Amino acid sequence: MSRIDESRPFIPVRIALLTVSDTRSLAEDRSGDTLAARIAEAGHLLAARDILRDERAEIAARLRAWCADPAVDVVITTGGTGLTGRDVTVEAHRDVYEKEIDAFGTVFTMISMGKIGTSAVQSRACGGVAQGTYLFALPGSPGACRDAWDEILKWQLDYRHRPCNFVEIMPRLEEHQRRK
């Protein structure tokens, strides 16, 4: 069973937030606002925030740039995870991933099933790692962003979370680079 170990220090992580939308501006970005508020409330740092249109190459380029930036530990995108022709965020993420975190999408779907039933099959939330940076693609609705943060990311991005968490293995994400 998971829990917070108060004997361990909290370690804030630096999170970049990208909203993918052909129609929204930052002023109308309720999902991005939802995530930004939760990031701050948890004690993490919002390293960057932007909005891009549903263009696969542009999304992948931004993900790569943030992965290469030492001031970014985690990238969260919201939007573009559906099934329509313009939904290309998942493909852009997979263009960048070195490793996919398969269980992230599975756990997100399990959580969504409890909230929206079989409509959860229409979401393609995913997670992965590239250049020592975690990347997570979330659906574009504020409710889905709340669910992903409150039920998964809030815990996995907290160093105090037991029995394990993403933060404690951050230093080892690129250990393959040190091997010769």
C-alpha atoms as a PDB file:
ATOM      1  CA  MET A   1       0.000   0.000   0.000  1.00  0.00           C
ATOM      2  CA  SER A   2       1.307   3.439  -0.899  1.00  0.00           C
ATOM      3  CA  ARG A   3       1.994   6.123   1.673  1.00  0.00           C
ATOM      4  CA  ILE A   4       3.998   9.284   2.344  1.00  0.00           C
ATOM      5  CA  ASP A   5       7.116   8.735   4.450  1.00  0.00           C
ATOM      6  CA  GLU A   6       7.415  11.959   6.467  1.00  0.00           C
ATOM      7  CA  SER A   7      10.984  11.065   7.475  1.00  0.00           C
ATOM      8  CA  ARG A   8      12.100  11.732   3.881  1.00  0.00           C
ATOM      9  CA  PRO A   9      12.549  15.296   2.570  1.00  0.00           C
ATOM     10  CA  PHE A  10      10.250  16.691  -0.099  1.00  0.00           C
ATOM     11  CA  ILE A  11      12.188  17.320  -3.329  1.00  0.00           C
ATOM     12  CA  PRO A  12      10.512  19.757  -5.723  1.00  0.00           C
ATOM     13  CA  VAL A  13      10.752  18.866  -9.405  1.00  0.00           C
ATOM     14  CA  ARG A  14      10.734  21.295 -12.321  1.00  0.00           C
ATOM     15  CA  ILE A  15       7.754  20.690 -14.585  1.00  0.00           C
ATOM     16  CA  ALA A  16       7.127  22.105 -18.062  1.00  0.00           C
ATOM     17  CA  LEU A  17       3.499  22.219 -19.150  1.00  0.00           C
ATOM     18  CA  LEU A  18       2.349  22.156 -22.777  1.00  0.00           C
ATOM     19  CA  THR A  19      -1.249  22.472 -23.906  1.00  0.00           C
ATOM     20  CA  VAL A  20      -1.957  21.121 -27.380  1.00  0.00           C
ATOM     21  CA  SER A  21      -4.964  22.749 -29.032  1.00  0.00           C
ATOM     22  CA  ASP A  22      -5.976  24.218 -32.378  1.00  0.00           C
ATOM     23  CA  THR A  23      -8.574  26.438 -30.717  1.00  0.00           C
ATOM     24  CA  ARG A  24      -7.476  27.467 -27.215  1.00  0.00           C
ATOM     25  CA  SER A  25      -5.219  30.295 -26.103  1.00  0.00           C
ATOM     26  CA  LEU A  26      -3.382  30.404 -22.769  1.00  0.00           C
ATOM     27  CA  ALA A  27      -6.138  32.704 -21.471  1.00  0.00           C
ATOM     28  CA  GLU A  28      -8.737  29.972 -22.133  1.00  0.00           C
ATOM     29  CA  ASP A  29      -6.611  27.016 -21.056  1.00  0.00           C
ATOM     30  CA  ARG A  30      -8.622  25.502 -18.195  1.00  0.00           C
ATOM     31  CA  SER A  31      -6.746  22.182 -18.308  1.00  0.00           C
ATOM     32  CA  GLY A  32      -3.367  23.911 -18.203  1.00  0.00           C
ATOM     33  CA  ASP A  33      -4.598  26.131 -15.364  1.00  0.00           C
ATOM     34  CA  THR A  34      -5.783  23.035 -13.477  1.00  0.00           C
ATOM     35  CA  LEU A  35      -2.371  21.393 -13.784  1.00  0.00           C
ATOM     36  CA  ALA A  36      -0.406  24.581 -13.049  1.00  0.00           C
ATOM     37  CA  ALA A  37      -2.385  25.091  -9.831  1.00  0.00           C
ATOM     38  CA  ARG A  38      -1.825  21.495  -8.722  1.00  0.00           C
ATOM     39  CA  ILE A  39       1.890  21.659  -9.558  1.00  0.00           C
ATOM     40  CA  ALA A  40       2.280  24.760  -7.364  1.00  0.00           C
ATOM     41  CA  GLU A  41       0.056  23.377  -4.611  1.00  0.00           C
ATOM     42  CA  ALA A  42       2.215  20.248  -4.422  1.00  0.00           C
ATOM     43  CA  GLY A  43       5.365  22.377  -4.008  1.00  0.00           C
ATOM     44  CA  HIS A  44       6.852  21.749  -7.445  1.00  0.00           C
ATOM     45  CA  LEU A  45       8.137  24.417  -9.828  1.00  0.00           C
ATOM     46  CA  LEU A  46       6.486  25.365 -13.112  1.00  0.00           C
ATOM     47  CA  ALA A  47       9.602  25.534 -15.288  1.00  0.00           C
ATOM     48  CA  ALA A  48       7.807  26.546 -18.490  1.00  0.00           C
ATOM     49  CA  ARG A  49       4.329  26.743 -19.965  1.00  0.00           C
ATOM     50  CA  ASP A  50       3.190  27.057 -23.549  1.00  0.00           C
ATOM     51  CA  ILE A  51       0.461  26.184 -26.013  1.00  0.00           C
ATOM     52  CA  LEU A  52       0.944  24.675 -29.480  1.00  0.00           C
ATOM     53  CA  ARG A  53      -1.352  23.629 -32.291  1.00  0.00           C
ATOM     54  CA  ASP A  54      -1.921  19.952 -33.061  1.00  0.00           C
ATOM     55  CA  GLU A  55       1.171  19.609 -35.267  1.00  0.00           C
ATOM     56  CA  ARG A  56       3.192  16.468 -34.632  1.00  0.00           C
ATOM     57  CA  ALA A  57       6.597  17.836 -35.667  1.00  0.00           C
ATOM     58  CA  GLU A  58       6.153  21.028 -33.606  1.00  0.00           C
ATOM     59  CA  ILE A  59       5.039  19.096 -30.530  1.00  0.00           C
ATOM     60  CA  ALA A  60       7.958  16.656 -30.817  1.00  0.00           C
ATOM     61  CA  ALA A  61      10.405  19.536 -31.289  1.00  0.00           C
ATOM     62  CA  ARG A  62       9.141  21.259 -28.129  1.00  0.00           C
ATOM     63  CA  LEU A  63       9.325  17.993 -26.166  1.00  0.00           C
ATOM     64  CA  ARG A  64      12.918  17.443 -27.353  1.00  0.00           C
ATOM     65  CA  ALA A  65      13.896  21.020 -26.464  1.00  0.00           C
ATOM     66  CA  TRP A  66      12.484  20.699 -22.957  1.00  0.00           C
ATOM     67  CA  CYS A  67      14.128  17.286 -22.512  1.00  0.00           C
ATOM     68  CA  ALA A  68      17.476  18.858 -23.434  1.00  0.00           C
ATOM     69  CA  ASP A  69      16.948  21.704 -20.941  1.00  0.00           C
ATOM     70  CA  PRO A  70      18.607  20.953 -17.571  1.00  0.00           C
ATOM     71  CA  ALA A  71      15.987  23.202 -15.901  1.00  0.00           C
ATOM     72  CA  VAL A  72      13.200  20.701 -16.790  1.00  0.00           C
ATOM     73  CA  ASP A  73      12.726  17.348 -15.012  1.00  0.00           C
ATOM     74  CA  VAL A  74       9.204  16.506 -16.188  1.00  0.00           C
ATOM     75  CA  VAL A  75       7.059  17.502 -19.173  1.00  0.00           C
ATOM     76  CA  ILE A  76       3.284  17.207 -19.014  1.00  0.00           C
ATOM     77  CA  THR A  77       1.159  17.786 -22.083  1.00  0.00           C
ATOM     78  CA  THR A  78      -2.616  18.115 -22.144  1.00  0.00           C
ATOM     79  CA  GLY A  79      -4.719  17.682 -25.245  1.00  0.00           C
ATOM     80  CA  GLY A  80      -4.449  15.796 -28.503  1.00  0.00           C
ATOM     81  CA  THR A  81      -4.717  12.286 -27.043  1.00  0.00           C
ATOM     82  CA  GLY A  82      -8.031  11.366 -28.659  1.00  0.00           C
ATOM     83  CA  LEU A  83      -8.854   9.483 -31.819  1.00  0.00           C
ATOM     84  CA  THR A  84      -9.539  12.221 -34.362  1.00  0.00           C
ATOM     85  CA  GLY A  85      -7.247  12.972 -37.264  1.00  0.00           C
ATOM     86  CA  ARG A  86      -5.848  16.097 -35.581  1.00  0.00           C
ATOM     87  CA  ASP A  87      -5.017  14.255 -32.329  1.00  0.00           C
ATOM     88  CA  VAL A  88      -1.259  13.699 -32.742  1.00  0.00           C
ATOM     89  CA  THR A  89       0.165  14.332 -29.277  1.00  0.00           C
ATOM     90  CA  VAL A  90       0.653  10.638 -28.509  1.00  0.00           C
ATOM     91  CA  GLU A  91       2.492  10.099 -31.797  1.00  0.00           C
ATOM     92  CA  ALA A  92       4.712  13.128 -31.062  1.00  0.00           C
ATOM     93  CA  HIS A  93       5.488  11.751 -27.596  1.00  0.00           C
ATOM     94  CA  ARG A  94       6.377   8.345 -29.001  1.00  0.00           C
ATOM     95  CA  ASP A  95       8.676  10.017 -31.549  1.00  0.00           C
ATOM     96  CA  VAL A  96      10.655  11.324 -28.567  1.00  0.00           C
ATOM     97  CA  TYR A  97      10.502   8.481 -26.011  1.00  0.00           C
ATOM     98  CA  GLU A  98      13.527   6.330 -25.317  1.00  0.00           C
ATOM     99  CA  LYS A  99      11.376   4.175 -23.032  1.00  0.00           C
ATOM    100  CA  GLU A 100       7.625   4.099 -22.624  1.00  0.00           C
ATOM    101  CA  ILE A 101       6.042   3.808 -19.189  1.00  0.00           C
ATOM    102  CA  ASP A 102       3.371   1.349 -20.315  1.00  0.00           C
ATOM    103  CA  ALA A 103       1.608   1.126 -16.963  1.00  0.00           C
ATOM    104  CA  PHE A 104       0.926   4.883 -16.884  1.00  0.00           C
ATOM    105  CA  GLY A 105      -1.707   4.598 -19.618  1.00  0.00           C
ATOM    106  CA  THR A 106      -3.105   1.439 -18.063  1.00  0.00           C
ATOM    107  CA  VAL A 107      -3.462   2.979 -14.603  1.00  0.00           C
ATOM    108  CA  PHE A 108      -4.950   6.142 -16.093  1.00  0.00           C
ATOM    109  CA  THR A 109      -7.525   4.037 -17.963  1.00  0.00           C
ATOM    110  CA  MET A 110      -8.404   2.167 -14.764  1.00  0.00           C
ATOM    111  CA  ILE A 111      -8.980   5.465 -12.950  1.00  0.00           C
ATOM    112  CA  SER A 112     -11.000   6.840 -15.874  1.00  0.00           C
ATOM    113  CA  MET A 113     -13.201   3.732 -15.980  1.00  0.00           C
ATOM    114  CA  GLY A 114     -14.352   4.512 -12.466  1.00  0.00           C
ATOM    115  CA  LYS A 115     -15.287   8.064 -13.473  1.00  0.00           C
ATOM    116  CA  ILE A 116     -16.525   7.873 -17.081  1.00  0.00           C
ATOM    117  CA  GLY A 117     -17.080   4.168 -17.673  1.00  0.00           C
ATOM    118  CA  THR A 118     -16.304   2.680 -21.046  1.00  0.00           C
ATOM    119  CA  SER A 119     -15.712   6.137 -22.551  1.00  0.00           C
ATOM    120  CA  ALA A 120     -12.232   5.727 -21.068  1.00  0.00           C
ATOM    121  CA  VAL A 121     -11.274   3.630 -24.113  1.00  0.00           C
ATOM    122  CA  GLN A 122     -11.187   6.821 -26.193  1.00  0.00           C
ATOM    123  CA  SER A 123      -8.231   8.258 -24.296  1.00  0.00           C
ATOM    124  CA  ARG A 124      -4.665   7.424 -25.210  1.00  0.00           C
ATOM    125  CA  ALA A 125      -2.865   8.904 -22.191  1.00  0.00           C
ATOM    126  CA  CYS A 126       0.753   7.781 -22.133  1.00  0.00           C
ATOM    127  CA  GLY A 127       4.066   8.328 -20.393  1.00  0.00           C
ATOM    128  CA  GLY A 128       7.715   7.828 -21.164  1.00  0.00           C
ATOM    129  CA  VAL A 129      11.293   8.880 -20.588  1.00  0.00           C
ATOM    130  CA  ALA A 130      13.751  10.690 -22.864  1.00  0.00           C
ATOM    131  CA  GLN A 131      17.117  12.258 -22.042  1.00  0.00           C
ATOM    132  CA  GLY A 132      16.546  11.691 -18.338  1.00  0.00           C
ATOM    133  CA  THR A 133      13.226  13.574 -18.439  1.00  0.00           C
ATOM    134  CA  TYR A 134       9.781  12.154 -17.717  1.00  0.00           C
ATOM    135  CA  LEU A 135       7.046  12.926 -20.256  1.00  0.00           C
ATOM    136  CA  PHE A 136       3.307  12.448 -19.740  1.00  0.00           C
ATOM    137  CA  ALA A 137       0.522  13.029 -22.287  1.00  0.00           C
ATOM    138  CA  LEU A 138      -2.874  13.690 -20.699  1.00  0.00           C
ATOM    139  CA  PRO A 139      -6.274  14.256 -22.280  1.00  0.00           C
ATOM    140  CA  GLY A 140      -7.416  17.842 -22.758  1.00  0.00           C
ATOM    141  CA  SER A 141     -10.278  17.942 -20.281  1.00  0.00           C
ATOM    142  CA  PRO A 142      -9.796  19.530 -16.848  1.00  0.00           C
ATOM    143  CA  GLY A 143     -11.392  16.449 -15.255  1.00  0.00           C
ATOM    144  CA  ALA A 144      -8.904  14.094 -16.891  1.00  0.00           C
ATOM    145  CA  CYS A 145      -6.033  16.359 -15.838  1.00  0.00           C
ATOM    146  CA  ARG A 146      -7.313  16.357 -12.258  1.00  0.00           C
ATOM    147  CA  ASP A 147      -7.623  12.575 -12.295  1.00  0.00           C
ATOM    148  CA  ALA A 148      -4.124  12.026 -13.692  1.00  0.00           C
ATOM    149  CA  TRP A 149      -2.532  14.472 -11.255  1.00  0.00           C
ATOM    150  CA  ASP A 150      -4.518  13.597  -8.131  1.00  0.00           C
ATOM    151  CA  GLU A 151      -4.441   9.827  -8.582  1.00  0.00           C
ATOM    152  CA  ILE A 152      -1.021   9.213 -10.193  1.00  0.00           C
ATOM    153  CA  LEU A 153       1.396  12.097 -10.749  1.00  0.00           C
ATOM    154  CA  LYS A 154       0.962  13.804  -7.385  1.00  0.00           C
ATOM    155  CA  TRP A 155       2.194  10.599  -5.741  1.00  0.00           C
ATOM    156  CA  GLN A 156       4.799   9.433  -8.220  1.00  0.00           C
ATOM    157  CA  LEU A 157       6.420  12.889  -8.332  1.00  0.00           C
ATOM    158  CA  ASP A 158       6.756  12.984  -4.535  1.00  0.00           C
ATOM    159  CA  TYR A 159      10.098  11.660  -3.283  1.00  0.00           C
ATOM    160  CA  ARG A 160       8.441  10.720   0.019  1.00  0.00           C
ATOM    161  CA  HIS A 161       5.968   8.339  -1.635  1.00  0.00           C
ATOM    162  CA  ARG A 162       6.469   4.695  -0.714  1.00  0.00           C
ATOM    163  CA  PRO A 163       7.112   2.020  -1.698  1.00  0.00           C
ATOM    164  CA  CYS A 164       8.649   3.765  -4.749  1.00  0.00           C
ATOM    165  CA  ASN A 165       8.361   6.871  -6.902  1.00  0.00           C
ATOM    166  CA  PHE A 166       9.693   8.471 -10.082  1.00  0.00           C
ATOM    167  CA  VAL A 167      11.820  11.066  -8.257  1.00  0.00           C
ATOM    168  CA  GLU A 168      14.090   8.594  -6.491  1.00  0.00           C
ATOM    169  CA  ILE A 169      15.159   7.019  -9.787  1.00  0.00           C
ATOM    170  CA  MET A 170      15.714  10.295 -11.669  1.00  0.00           C
ATOM    171  CA  PRO A 171      19.492  10.181 -11.146  1.00  0.00           C
ATOM    172  CA  ARG A 172      19.570   6.746 -12.785  1.00  0.00           C
ATOM    173  CA  LEU A 173      17.470   7.486 -15.883  1.00  0.00           C
ATOM    174  CA  GLU A 174      20.560   8.082 -17.997  1.00  0.00           C
ATOM    175  CA  GLU A 175      22.923   5.546 -16.440  1.00  0.00           C
ATOM    176  CA  HIS A 176      23.153   3.758 -19.806  1.00  0.00           C
ATOM    177  CA  GLN A 177      24.999   6.851 -21.065  1.00  0.00           C
ATOM    178  CA  ARG A 178      27.835   6.179 -18.598  1.00  0.00           C
ATOM    179  CA  ARG A 179      28.423   2.622 -19.766  1.00  0.00           C
ATOM    180  CA  LYS A 180      31.168   1.961 -22.281  1.00  0.00           C
END
